[in-house]
Amino acid sequence: MLTPDPHPTDEDPSVGAPVFRERLRAAMRIPVIEALFPVPWTVAARRVLPSPSPQFTATAMWGPVLAWCVLELLAESIDAENPEPVALDLFDRLRLREPFAQAFAALGFEGEEAWRVAARIKVLLLSAAGVGKPHGEPGEAEPAVAAETPDAESAAPIQEPAADELPPGEQGIAVEERVALSPELWLDPDVRWLCGVHQTQGHSYLVREPYEELLWWLLMPSLLRMAGEPAFNRKAAGEMSKTVEETLATAETAGYRIDALLGDSPAPDAAQTAEPEVESRSTEPEQAQIDPEEPSIKSPAVSAVDSAEPSSK
């Protein structure tokens, strides 16, 4: 009779089984996390995250989350201290983009959407690995959280005991993941494709809806960690919601122009955005001049019919 090894090694596959089960249980609780947010999740969030009312087939929404859990576990089994770059390397070396896309299509993502889901996993791996970020930049996110903490505590004082379960260091990591689109990442073809980047009048613009979808997807690891805690943290959920709103507001202020969003050039003025409206109004008199010509077009048609009647008789 075989007995389990009382001292399993790190190379033993059974070591990772309990960890993977815990992550699966945490993933199954992600839809419950939505109730902690101050407002319901937007349509963009429900297009990329498991939710009680998903925008796609409910079965399909679990595929990307489970794929992330598997990649994360494999990376930790290779290098537990630095798994993020290992996960990115596994994705590239094993050429997982196409197998993931085919698997997501089988789960219910139709057409191009299956490839977009696979691309979002690649962007999340790039973000988690800190691609395009200086080594000192992740630590700079913590003061921003500390500045937002008093407002969050006043909004939800009942949840103050749960703050011990999410220390400031972990909150800093969450913020780093949310603001993960560094200037270098905006040059990545997957990021540009997912955000609908296009050229207009010499500037690169993003599209709000797919950009919001990517922002919500970048929150998934933080949501997964929150769902795995013994008690939920409403304060952290409120900070996530606030961060997404502020990031979208910043993009709107920049006119959805990437160079203005990154601070490479000033944001467009309100006077510049009002110019197209003035031009559209100037065309109204021209349209009014066309209207009186319509009777003159109809009258020849009537005379043609009248002239045709004697010939028929």
C-alpha atoms as a PDB file:
ATOM      1  CA  MET A   1       0.000   0.000   0.000  1.00  0.00           C
ATOM      2  CA  LEU A   2       1.384   3.368  -1.048  1.00  0.00           C
ATOM      3  CA  THR A   3       1.617   6.036   1.593  1.00  0.00           C
ATOM      4  CA  PRO A   4       2.132   9.741   0.901  1.00  0.00           C
ATOM      5  CA  ASP A   5       5.583  11.135   1.486  1.00  0.00           C
ATOM      6  CA  PRO A   6       5.514  12.966   4.854  1.00  0.00           C
ATOM      7  CA  HIS A   7       8.187  15.375   3.591  1.00  0.00           C
ATOM      8  CA  PRO A   8       7.363  16.228  -0.024  1.00  0.00           C
ATOM      9  CA  THR A   9       9.925  18.205  -1.966  1.00  0.00           C
ATOM     10  CA  ASP A  10       9.330  21.304  -4.043  1.00  0.00           C
ATOM     11  CA  GLU A  11       9.550  19.147  -7.180  1.00  0.00           C
ATOM     12  CA  ASP A  12       6.647  16.985  -6.013  1.00  0.00           C
ATOM     13  CA  PRO A  13       3.527  17.892  -8.049  1.00  0.00           C
ATOM     14  CA  SER A  14       1.346  17.267  -5.020  1.00  0.00           C
ATOM     15  CA  VAL A  15       2.806  20.353  -3.334  1.00  0.00           C
ATOM     16  CA  GLY A  16       1.096  22.669  -5.799  1.00  0.00           C
ATOM     17  CA  ALA A  17      -2.277  20.932  -5.661  1.00  0.00           C
ATOM     18  CA  PRO A  18      -3.515  22.577  -2.428  1.00  0.00           C
ATOM     19  CA  VAL A  19      -2.324  25.972  -3.633  1.00  0.00           C
ATOM     20  CA  PHE A  20      -4.155  25.563  -6.925  1.00  0.00           C
ATOM     21  CA  ARG A  21      -7.344  24.482  -5.157  1.00  0.00           C
ATOM     22  CA  GLU A  22      -7.201  27.559  -2.948  1.00  0.00           C
ATOM     23  CA  ARG A  23      -6.853  29.787  -5.995  1.00  0.00           C
ATOM     24  CA  LEU A  24      -9.759  28.109  -7.700  1.00  0.00           C
ATOM     25  CA  ARG A  25     -11.896  28.716  -4.625  1.00  0.00           C
ATOM     26  CA  ALA A  26     -10.810  32.341  -4.609  1.00  0.00           C
ATOM     27  CA  ALA A  27     -11.598  32.686  -8.312  1.00  0.00           C
ATOM     28  CA  MET A  28     -15.102  31.335  -7.718  1.00  0.00           C
ATOM     29  CA  ARG A  29     -15.669  34.170  -5.221  1.00  0.00           C
ATOM     30  CA  ILE A  30     -14.774  36.961  -7.674  1.00  0.00           C
ATOM     31  CA  PRO A  31     -18.441  37.547  -8.644  1.00  0.00           C
ATOM     32  CA  VAL A  32     -19.207  38.144  -4.961  1.00  0.00           C
ATOM     33  CA  ILE A  33     -16.574  40.899  -4.853  1.00  0.00           C
ATOM     34  CA  GLU A  34     -18.754  43.097  -7.068  1.00  0.00           C
ATOM     35  CA  ALA A  35     -21.121  43.679  -4.147  1.00  0.00           C
ATOM     36  CA  LEU A  36     -18.277  45.389  -2.241  1.00  0.00           C
ATOM     37  CA  PHE A  37     -17.845  48.099  -4.855  1.00  0.00           C
ATOM     38  CA  PRO A  38     -19.624  51.429  -4.275  1.00  0.00           C
ATOM     39  CA  VAL A  39     -21.326  51.163  -7.673  1.00  0.00           C
ATOM     40  CA  PRO A  40     -22.132  48.114  -9.803  1.00  0.00           C
ATOM     41  CA  TRP A  41     -19.532  47.069 -12.322  1.00  0.00           C
ATOM     42  CA  THR A  42     -19.791  48.671 -15.723  1.00  0.00           C
ATOM     43  CA  VAL A  43     -20.486  46.819 -18.948  1.00  0.00           C
ATOM     44  CA  ALA A  44     -16.764  46.945 -19.738  1.00  0.00           C
ATOM     45  CA  ALA A  45     -15.957  45.203 -16.441  1.00  0.00           C
ATOM     46  CA  ARG A  46     -18.552  42.507 -17.031  1.00  0.00           C
ATOM     47  CA  ARG A  47     -17.050  41.830 -20.453  1.00  0.00           C
ATOM     48  CA  VAL A  48     -13.703  40.747 -18.956  1.00  0.00           C
ATOM     49  CA  LEU A  49     -14.433  39.553 -15.387  1.00  0.00           C
ATOM     50  CA  PRO A  50     -16.689  36.831 -13.977  1.00  0.00           C
ATOM     51  CA  SER A  51     -19.842  38.505 -12.746  1.00  0.00           C
ATOM     52  CA  PRO A  52     -23.395  37.608 -11.729  1.00  0.00           C
ATOM     53  CA  SER A  53     -24.488  39.241 -15.008  1.00  0.00           C
ATOM     54  CA  PRO A  54     -21.635  38.730 -17.513  1.00  0.00           C
ATOM     55  CA  GLN A  55     -21.763  40.146 -21.035  1.00  0.00           C
ATOM     56  CA  PHE A  56     -20.589  36.852 -22.524  1.00  0.00           C
ATOM     57  CA  THR A  57     -21.412  33.235 -21.771  1.00  0.00           C
ATOM     58  CA  ALA A  58     -20.799  32.630 -18.078  1.00  0.00           C
ATOM     59  CA  THR A  59     -18.721  29.533 -18.821  1.00  0.00           C
ATOM     60  CA  ALA A  60     -16.465  31.491 -21.158  1.00  0.00           C
ATOM     61  CA  MET A  61     -15.680  34.143 -18.544  1.00  0.00           C
ATOM     62  CA  TRP A  62     -13.887  31.614 -16.331  1.00  0.00           C
ATOM     63  CA  GLY A  63     -11.435  30.528 -19.028  1.00  0.00           C
ATOM     64  CA  PRO A  64      -9.052  33.538 -18.843  1.00  0.00           C
ATOM     65  CA  VAL A  65      -9.056  33.530 -15.025  1.00  0.00           C
ATOM     66  CA  LEU A  66      -8.252  29.819 -14.835  1.00  0.00           C
ATOM     67  CA  ALA A  67      -5.551  30.203 -17.485  1.00  0.00           C
ATOM     68  CA  TRP A  68      -3.958  32.940 -15.377  1.00  0.00           C
ATOM     69  CA  CYS A  69      -4.080  30.739 -12.257  1.00  0.00           C
ATOM     70  CA  VAL A  70      -2.346  27.880 -14.084  1.00  0.00           C
ATOM     71  CA  LEU A  71       0.369  30.138 -15.469  1.00  0.00           C
ATOM     72  CA  GLU A  72       0.932  31.702 -12.077  1.00  0.00           C
ATOM     73  CA  LEU A  73       1.232  28.308 -10.370  1.00  0.00           C
ATOM     74  CA  LEU A  74       3.671  26.993 -12.992  1.00  0.00           C
ATOM     75  CA  ALA A  75       5.824  30.092 -12.647  1.00  0.00           C
ATOM     76  CA  GLU A  76       5.886  29.794  -8.860  1.00  0.00           C
ATOM     77  CA  SER A  77       6.936  26.153  -9.108  1.00  0.00           C
ATOM     78  CA  ILE A  78       9.967  27.277 -11.141  1.00  0.00           C
ATOM     79  CA  ASP A  79      10.881  30.441  -9.230  1.00  0.00           C
ATOM     80  CA  ALA A  80       8.768  31.158  -6.163  1.00  0.00           C
ATOM     81  CA  GLU A  81      10.612  34.394  -5.358  1.00  0.00           C
ATOM     82  CA  ASN A  82      10.269  35.977  -8.799  1.00  0.00           C
ATOM     83  CA  PRO A  83       7.393  34.277 -10.657  1.00  0.00           C
ATOM     84  CA  GLU A  84       6.205  37.204 -12.802  1.00  0.00           C
ATOM     85  CA  PRO A  85       9.046  37.196 -15.385  1.00  0.00           C
ATOM     86  CA  VAL A  86       8.936  33.399 -15.438  1.00  0.00           C
ATOM     87  CA  ALA A  87       5.217  33.422 -16.302  1.00  0.00           C
ATOM     88  CA  LEU A  88       5.872  35.856 -19.151  1.00  0.00           C
ATOM     89  CA  ASP A  89       8.706  33.659 -20.409  1.00  0.00           C
ATOM     90  CA  LEU A  90       6.477  30.579 -20.279  1.00  0.00           C
ATOM     91  CA  PHE A  91       3.814  32.316 -22.338  1.00  0.00           C
ATOM     92  CA  ASP A  92       6.327  33.201 -25.054  1.00  0.00           C
ATOM     93  CA  ARG A  93       8.444  30.046 -25.046  1.00  0.00           C
ATOM     94  CA  LEU A  94       5.471  27.691 -25.059  1.00  0.00           C
ATOM     95  CA  ARG A  95       3.672  29.858 -27.643  1.00  0.00           C
ATOM     96  CA  LEU A  96       0.485  29.812 -25.616  1.00  0.00           C
ATOM     97  CA  ARG A  97      -1.319  32.596 -27.477  1.00  0.00           C
ATOM     98  CA  GLU A  98      -2.864  30.352 -30.132  1.00  0.00           C
ATOM     99  CA  PRO A  99      -3.758  27.434 -27.800  1.00  0.00           C
ATOM    100  CA  PHE A 100      -5.348  29.891 -25.397  1.00  0.00           C
ATOM    101  CA  ALA A 101      -7.316  31.571 -28.179  1.00  0.00           C
ATOM    102  CA  GLN A 102      -8.586  28.220 -29.458  1.00  0.00           C
ATOM    103  CA  ALA A 103      -9.552  27.135 -25.954  1.00  0.00           C
ATOM    104  CA  PHE A 104     -11.380  30.415 -25.309  1.00  0.00           C
ATOM    105  CA  ALA A 105     -13.219  30.062 -28.614  1.00  0.00           C
ATOM    106  CA  ALA A 106     -14.363  26.581 -27.575  1.00  0.00           C
ATOM    107  CA  LEU A 107     -15.659  28.045 -24.306  1.00  0.00           C
ATOM    108  CA  GLY A 108     -17.843  30.587 -26.090  1.00  0.00           C
ATOM    109  CA  PHE A 109     -15.781  33.612 -27.191  1.00  0.00           C
ATOM    110  CA  GLU A 110     -16.626  34.154 -30.831  1.00  0.00           C
ATOM    111  CA  GLY A 111     -14.356  35.246 -33.656  1.00  0.00           C
ATOM    112  CA  GLU A 112     -11.770  37.885 -32.862  1.00  0.00           C
ATOM    113  CA  GLU A 113     -12.809  38.130 -29.212  1.00  0.00           C
ATOM    114  CA  ALA A 114     -11.015  34.862 -28.383  1.00  0.00           C
ATOM    115  CA  TRP A 115      -7.749  36.346 -29.663  1.00  0.00           C
ATOM    116  CA  ARG A 116      -8.389  39.562 -27.746  1.00  0.00           C
ATOM    117  CA  VAL A 117      -8.745  37.570 -24.520  1.00  0.00           C
ATOM    118  CA  ALA A 118      -5.417  35.836 -25.188  1.00  0.00           C
ATOM    119  CA  ALA A 119      -3.806  39.211 -25.889  1.00  0.00           C
ATOM    120  CA  ARG A 120      -5.154  40.596 -22.595  1.00  0.00           C
ATOM    121  CA  ILE A 121      -3.408  37.758 -20.747  1.00  0.00           C
ATOM    122  CA  LYS A 122      -0.139  38.692 -22.469  1.00  0.00           C
ATOM    123  CA  VAL A 123      -0.551  42.360 -21.502  1.00  0.00           C
ATOM    124  CA  LEU A 124      -1.291  41.385 -17.895  1.00  0.00           C
ATOM    125  CA  LEU A 125       1.896  39.285 -17.871  1.00  0.00           C
ATOM    126  CA  LEU A 126       3.884  42.229 -19.227  1.00  0.00           C
ATOM    127  CA  SER A 127       2.389  44.480 -16.577  1.00  0.00           C
ATOM    128  CA  ALA A 128       2.988  42.057 -13.705  1.00  0.00           C
ATOM    129  CA  ALA A 129       6.591  41.530 -14.834  1.00  0.00           C
ATOM    130  CA  GLY A 130       7.175  45.288 -14.702  1.00  0.00           C
ATOM    131  CA  VAL A 131       8.102  45.606 -18.360  1.00  0.00           C
ATOM    132  CA  GLY A 132       8.917  49.222 -19.184  1.00  0.00           C
ATOM    133  CA  LYS A 133       9.088  50.317 -15.542  1.00  0.00           C
ATOM    134  CA  PRO A 134      12.203  51.459 -13.648  1.00  0.00           C
ATOM    135  CA  HIS A 135      13.093  49.400 -10.595  1.00  0.00           C
ATOM    136  CA  GLY A 136      12.268  52.274  -8.255  1.00  0.00           C
ATOM    137  CA  GLU A 137       8.854  52.989  -9.719  1.00  0.00           C
ATOM    138  CA  PRO A 138       6.787  50.260  -7.973  1.00  0.00           C
ATOM    139  CA  GLY A 139       7.623  51.698  -4.561  1.00  0.00           C
ATOM    140  CA  GLU A 140       6.357  55.111  -5.619  1.00  0.00           C
ATOM    141  CA  ALA A 141       2.781  53.838  -5.745  1.00  0.00           C
ATOM    142  CA  GLU A 142       2.550  53.391  -1.965  1.00  0.00           C
ATOM    143  CA  PRO A 143       2.375  57.107  -1.003  1.00  0.00           C
ATOM    144  CA  ALA A 144      -0.523  57.515  -3.426  1.00  0.00           C
ATOM    145  CA  VAL A 145      -2.434  54.836  -1.536  1.00  0.00           C
ATOM    146  CA  ALA A 146      -1.613  56.415   1.800  1.00  0.00           C
ATOM    147  CA  ALA A 147      -3.005  59.708   0.553  1.00  0.00           C
ATOM    148  CA  GLU A 148      -6.257  58.038  -0.451  1.00  0.00           C
ATOM    149  CA  THR A 149      -6.624  55.980   2.727  1.00  0.00           C
ATOM    150  CA  PRO A 150      -8.261  58.636   4.954  1.00  0.00           C
ATOM    151  CA  ASP A 151     -11.073  59.223   2.450  1.00  0.00           C
ATOM    152  CA  ALA A 152     -11.673  55.515   2.134  1.00  0.00           C
ATOM    153  CA  GLU A 153     -11.739  55.027   5.900  1.00  0.00           C
ATOM    154  CA  SER A 154     -14.254  57.823   6.384  1.00  0.00           C
ATOM    155  CA  ALA A 155     -16.452  56.345   3.670  1.00  0.00           C
ATOM    156  CA  ALA A 156     -16.435  52.849   5.205  1.00  0.00           C
ATOM    157  CA  PRO A 157     -15.495  53.012   8.895  1.00  0.00           C
ATOM    158  CA  ILE A 158     -17.064  49.644   9.626  1.00  0.00           C
ATOM    159  CA  GLN A 159     -14.406  47.917   7.530  1.00  0.00           C
ATOM    160  CA  GLU A 160     -11.442  49.324   9.463  1.00  0.00           C
ATOM    161  CA  PRO A 161     -10.587  45.996  11.182  1.00  0.00           C
ATOM    162  CA  ALA A 162     -10.264  44.350   7.763  1.00  0.00           C
ATOM    163  CA  ALA A 163      -7.468  46.775   6.847  1.00  0.00           C
ATOM    164  CA  ASP A 164      -5.025  44.553   8.751  1.00  0.00           C
ATOM    165  CA  GLU A 165      -5.687  41.828   6.212  1.00  0.00           C
ATOM    166  CA  LEU A 166      -4.503  44.076   3.379  1.00  0.00           C
ATOM    167  CA  PRO A 167      -1.320  45.817   4.551  1.00  0.00           C
ATOM    168  CA  PRO A 168      -0.030  48.969   2.843  1.00  0.00           C
ATOM    169  CA  GLY A 169       2.583  46.974   0.922  1.00  0.00           C
ATOM    170  CA  GLU A 170      -0.103  44.804  -0.677  1.00  0.00           C
ATOM    171  CA  GLN A 171      -2.205  47.854  -1.441  1.00  0.00           C
ATOM    172  CA  GLY A 172       0.808  49.374  -3.179  1.00  0.00           C
ATOM    173  CA  ILE A 173       1.130  46.289  -5.370  1.00  0.00           C
ATOM    174  CA  ALA A 174      -2.536  46.579  -6.308  1.00  0.00           C
ATOM    175  CA  VAL A 175      -2.120  50.198  -7.381  1.00  0.00           C
ATOM    176  CA  GLU A 176       0.972  49.303  -9.360  1.00  0.00           C
ATOM    177  CA  GLU A 177      -1.054  46.752 -11.321  1.00  0.00           C
ATOM    178  CA  ARG A 178      -3.818  49.268 -12.001  1.00  0.00           C
ATOM    179  CA  VAL A 179      -1.486  51.947 -13.361  1.00  0.00           C
ATOM    180  CA  ALA A 180       0.607  49.422 -15.236  1.00  0.00           C
ATOM    181  CA  LEU A 181       0.487  50.977 -18.716  1.00  0.00           C
ATOM    182  CA  SER A 182       3.884  52.611 -18.806  1.00  0.00           C
ATOM    183  CA  PRO A 183       4.976  54.673 -21.842  1.00  0.00           C
ATOM    184  CA  GLU A 184       6.902  51.658 -23.144  1.00  0.00           C
ATOM    185  CA  LEU A 185       3.811  49.450 -22.929  1.00  0.00           C
ATOM    186  CA  TRP A 186       1.895  51.872 -25.150  1.00  0.00           C
ATOM    187  CA  LEU A 187       4.320  50.840 -27.905  1.00  0.00           C
ATOM    188  CA  ASP A 188       3.392  47.173 -27.487  1.00  0.00           C
ATOM    189  CA  PRO A 189       1.267  45.955 -30.436  1.00  0.00           C
ATOM    190  CA  ASP A 190      -1.116  44.039 -28.159  1.00  0.00           C
ATOM    191  CA  VAL A 191      -1.807  47.121 -26.024  1.00  0.00           C
ATOM    192  CA  ARG A 192      -2.394  49.277 -29.097  1.00  0.00           C
ATOM    193  CA  TRP A 193      -4.695  46.683 -30.649  1.00  0.00           C
ATOM    194  CA  LEU A 194      -6.694  46.113 -27.478  1.00  0.00           C
ATOM    195  CA  CYS A 195      -7.132  49.865 -26.869  1.00  0.00           C
ATOM    196  CA  GLY A 196      -8.087  50.617 -30.468  1.00  0.00           C
ATOM    197  CA  VAL A 197      -5.147  52.998 -30.994  1.00  0.00           C
ATOM    198  CA  HIS A 198      -5.417  54.856 -34.301  1.00  0.00           C
ATOM    199  CA  GLN A 199      -3.764  57.819 -35.977  1.00  0.00           C
ATOM    200  CA  THR A 200      -5.660  61.056 -36.617  1.00  0.00           C
ATOM    201  CA  GLN A 201      -4.101  64.388 -37.620  1.00  0.00           C
ATOM    202  CA  GLY A 202      -0.650  63.263 -36.568  1.00  0.00           C
ATOM    203  CA  HIS A 203      -1.676  62.048 -33.092  1.00  0.00           C
ATOM    204  CA  SER A 204      -2.418  58.602 -31.633  1.00  0.00           C
ATOM    205  CA  TYR A 205      -5.840  58.210 -30.013  1.00  0.00           C
ATOM    206  CA  LEU A 206      -7.310  55.394 -27.939  1.00  0.00           C
ATOM    207  CA  VAL A 207     -10.919  54.217 -27.776  1.00  0.00           C
ATOM    208  CA  ARG A 208     -12.536  54.516 -24.358  1.00  0.00           C
ATOM    209  CA  GLU A 209     -14.543  51.258 -24.228  1.00  0.00           C
ATOM    210  CA  PRO A 210     -11.722  48.778 -24.978  1.00  0.00           C
ATOM    211  CA  TYR A 211      -9.360  50.852 -22.824  1.00  0.00           C
ATOM    212  CA  GLU A 212     -11.753  50.516 -19.896  1.00  0.00           C
ATOM    213  CA  GLU A 213     -11.979  46.777 -20.501  1.00  0.00           C
ATOM    214  CA  LEU A 214      -8.190  46.501 -20.249  1.00  0.00           C
ATOM    215  CA  LEU A 215      -8.138  48.549 -17.035  1.00  0.00           C
ATOM    216  CA  TRP A 216     -10.650  46.233 -15.394  1.00  0.00           C
ATOM    217  CA  TRP A 217      -8.786  43.149 -16.566  1.00  0.00           C
ATOM    218  CA  LEU A 218      -5.556  44.474 -15.028  1.00  0.00           C
ATOM    219  CA  LEU A 219      -7.400  44.467 -11.684  1.00  0.00           C
ATOM    220  CA  MET A 220      -8.037  40.720 -11.865  1.00  0.00           C
ATOM    221  CA  PRO A 221      -4.987  39.589  -9.812  1.00  0.00           C
ATOM    222  CA  SER A 222      -5.899  42.072  -7.079  1.00  0.00           C
ATOM    223  CA  LEU A 223      -9.496  40.826  -7.099  1.00  0.00           C
ATOM    224  CA  LEU A 224      -8.227  37.255  -6.939  1.00  0.00           C
ATOM    225  CA  ARG A 225      -6.113  38.006  -3.882  1.00  0.00           C
ATOM    226  CA  MET A 226      -8.988  39.853  -2.230  1.00  0.00           C
ATOM    227  CA  ALA A 227     -11.342  36.944  -2.887  1.00  0.00           C
ATOM    228  CA  GLY A 228      -8.867  34.588  -1.233  1.00  0.00           C
ATOM    229  CA  GLU A 229      -8.829  36.544   2.043  1.00  0.00           C
ATOM    230  CA  PRO A 230     -10.840  35.241   5.027  1.00  0.00           C
ATOM    231  CA  ALA A 231     -12.743  38.555   5.181  1.00  0.00           C
ATOM    232  CA  PHE A 232     -13.456  40.921   2.319  1.00  0.00           C
ATOM    233  CA  ASN A 233     -12.033  44.443   2.333  1.00  0.00           C
ATOM    234  CA  ARG A 234     -14.629  46.983   1.232  1.00  0.00           C
ATOM    235  CA  LYS A 235     -12.108  49.814   1.505  1.00  0.00           C
ATOM    236  CA  ALA A 236      -9.771  48.206  -1.021  1.00  0.00           C
ATOM    237  CA  ALA A 237     -12.691  47.634  -3.394  1.00  0.00           C
ATOM    238  CA  GLY A 238     -13.624  51.295  -3.158  1.00  0.00           C
ATOM    239  CA  GLU A 239     -10.049  52.305  -3.952  1.00  0.00           C
ATOM    240  CA  MET A 240     -10.057  50.094  -7.042  1.00  0.00           C
ATOM    241  CA  SER A 241     -13.278  51.648  -8.278  1.00  0.00           C
ATOM    242  CA  LYS A 242     -11.934  55.121  -7.639  1.00  0.00           C
ATOM    243  CA  THR A 243      -8.713  54.364  -9.488  1.00  0.00           C
ATOM    244  CA  VAL A 244     -10.547  53.187 -12.596  1.00  0.00           C
ATOM    245  CA  GLU A 245     -12.770  56.262 -12.559  1.00  0.00           C
ATOM    246  CA  GLU A 246      -9.802  58.606 -12.149  1.00  0.00           C
ATOM    247  CA  THR A 247      -7.836  56.864 -14.888  1.00  0.00           C
ATOM    248  CA  LEU A 248     -10.741  57.193 -17.311  1.00  0.00           C
ATOM    249  CA  ALA A 249     -11.233  60.826 -16.308  1.00  0.00           C
ATOM    250  CA  THR A 250      -7.554  61.496 -17.018  1.00  0.00           C
ATOM    251  CA  ALA A 251      -7.891  59.932 -20.457  1.00  0.00           C
ATOM    252  CA  GLU A 252     -10.978  62.038 -21.144  1.00  0.00           C
ATOM    253  CA  THR A 253      -9.166  65.204 -20.065  1.00  0.00           C
ATOM    254  CA  ALA A 254      -6.345  64.298 -22.445  1.00  0.00           C
ATOM    255  CA  GLY A 255      -8.876  64.005 -25.252  1.00  0.00           C
ATOM    256  CA  TYR A 256      -8.043  60.272 -25.434  1.00  0.00           C
ATOM    257  CA  ARG A 257      -4.767  61.317 -27.040  1.00  0.00           C
ATOM    258  CA  ILE A 258      -1.921  59.083 -25.927  1.00  0.00           C
ATOM    259  CA  ASP A 259       0.841  61.699 -26.057  1.00  0.00           C
ATOM    260  CA  ALA A 260      -1.247  64.046 -23.885  1.00  0.00           C
ATOM    261  CA  LEU A 261      -2.127  61.152 -21.554  1.00  0.00           C
ATOM    262  CA  LEU A 262       1.568  60.426 -21.022  1.00  0.00           C
ATOM    263  CA  GLY A 263       2.412  64.097 -20.572  1.00  0.00           C
ATOM    264  CA  ASP A 264       4.491  64.338 -23.744  1.00  0.00           C
ATOM    265  CA  SER A 265       2.343  67.212 -25.002  1.00  0.00           C
ATOM    266  CA  PRO A 266      -0.333  69.478 -23.486  1.00  0.00           C
ATOM    267  CA  ALA A 267      -3.915  68.304 -23.467  1.00  0.00           C
ATOM    268  CA  PRO A 268      -6.224  69.857 -26.072  1.00  0.00           C
ATOM    269  CA  ASP A 269      -7.951  73.048 -24.947  1.00  0.00           C
ATOM    270  CA  ALA A 270     -11.710  73.377 -24.706  1.00  0.00           C
ATOM    271  CA  ALA A 271     -11.580  75.968 -27.479  1.00  0.00           C
ATOM    272  CA  GLN A 272      -9.970  73.423 -29.776  1.00  0.00           C
ATOM    273  CA  THR A 273     -12.621  70.836 -29.048  1.00  0.00           C
ATOM    274  CA  ALA A 274     -15.344  73.430 -29.761  1.00  0.00           C
ATOM    275  CA  GLU A 275     -14.020  74.236 -33.237  1.00  0.00           C
ATOM    276  CA  PRO A 276     -15.699  71.270 -34.967  1.00  0.00           C
ATOM    277  CA  GLU A 277     -19.047  72.437 -33.580  1.00  0.00           C
ATOM    278  CA  VAL A 278     -18.577  75.889 -35.114  1.00  0.00           C
ATOM    279  CA  GLU A 279     -17.739  74.363 -38.470  1.00  0.00           C
ATOM    280  CA  SER A 280     -20.806  72.143 -38.366  1.00  0.00           C
ATOM    281  CA  ARG A 281     -23.032  75.148 -37.664  1.00  0.00           C
ATOM    282  CA  SER A 282     -21.533  77.091 -40.564  1.00  0.00           C
ATOM    283  CA  THR A 283     -22.747  74.407 -42.938  1.00  0.00           C
ATOM    284  CA  GLU A 284     -26.386  74.830 -41.899  1.00  0.00           C
ATOM    285  CA  PRO A 285     -27.070  77.809 -44.239  1.00  0.00           C
ATOM    286  CA  GLU A 286     -25.756  75.788 -47.146  1.00  0.00           C
ATOM    287  CA  GLN A 287     -28.221  73.025 -46.362  1.00  0.00           C
ATOM    288  CA  ALA A 288     -31.003  75.594 -46.132  1.00  0.00           C
ATOM    289  CA  GLN A 289     -30.182  76.832 -49.638  1.00  0.00           C
ATOM    290  CA  ILE A 290     -30.651  73.358 -51.049  1.00  0.00           C
ATOM    291  CA  ASP A 291     -34.192  72.960 -49.706  1.00  0.00           C
ATOM    292  CA  PRO A 292     -35.893  75.548 -52.033  1.00  0.00           C
ATOM    293  CA  GLU A 293     -34.511  73.738 -55.079  1.00  0.00           C
ATOM    294  CA  GLU A 294     -36.509  70.594 -54.378  1.00  0.00           C
ATOM    295  CA  PRO A 295     -39.785  71.811 -56.025  1.00  0.00           C
ATOM    296  CA  SER A 296     -37.917  72.648 -59.221  1.00  0.00           C
ATOM    297  CA  ILE A 297     -36.658  69.059 -59.361  1.00  0.00           C
ATOM    298  CA  LYS A 298     -40.119  67.578 -58.941  1.00  0.00           C
ATOM    299  CA  SER A 299     -41.877  69.776 -61.495  1.00  0.00           C
ATOM    300  CA  PRO A 300     -40.049  68.445 -64.578  1.00  0.00           C
ATOM    301  CA  ALA A 301     -40.948  64.934 -63.518  1.00  0.00           C
ATOM    302  CA  VAL A 302     -44.637  65.832 -63.492  1.00  0.00           C
ATOM    303  CA  SER A 303     -44.465  67.576 -66.891  1.00  0.00           C
ATOM    304  CA  ALA A 304     -42.775  64.520 -68.346  1.00  0.00           C
ATOM    305  CA  VAL A 305     -45.667  62.345 -67.264  1.00  0.00           C
ATOM    306  CA  ASP A 306     -48.206  64.804 -68.659  1.00  0.00           C
ATOM    307  CA  SER A 307     -46.445  64.937 -72.027  1.00  0.00           C
ATOM    308  CA  ALA A 308     -46.424  61.152 -72.141  1.00  0.00           C
ATOM    309  CA  GLU A 309     -50.233  60.860 -71.772  1.00  0.00           C
ATOM    310  CA  PRO A 310     -51.229  62.112 -75.285  1.00  0.00           C
ATOM    311  CA  SER A 311     -48.788  59.684 -76.880  1.00  0.00           C
ATOM    312  CA  SER A 312     -50.390  56.763 -75.014  1.00  0.00           C
ATOM    313  CA  LYS A 313     -53.850  57.799 -76.294  1.00  0.00           C
END
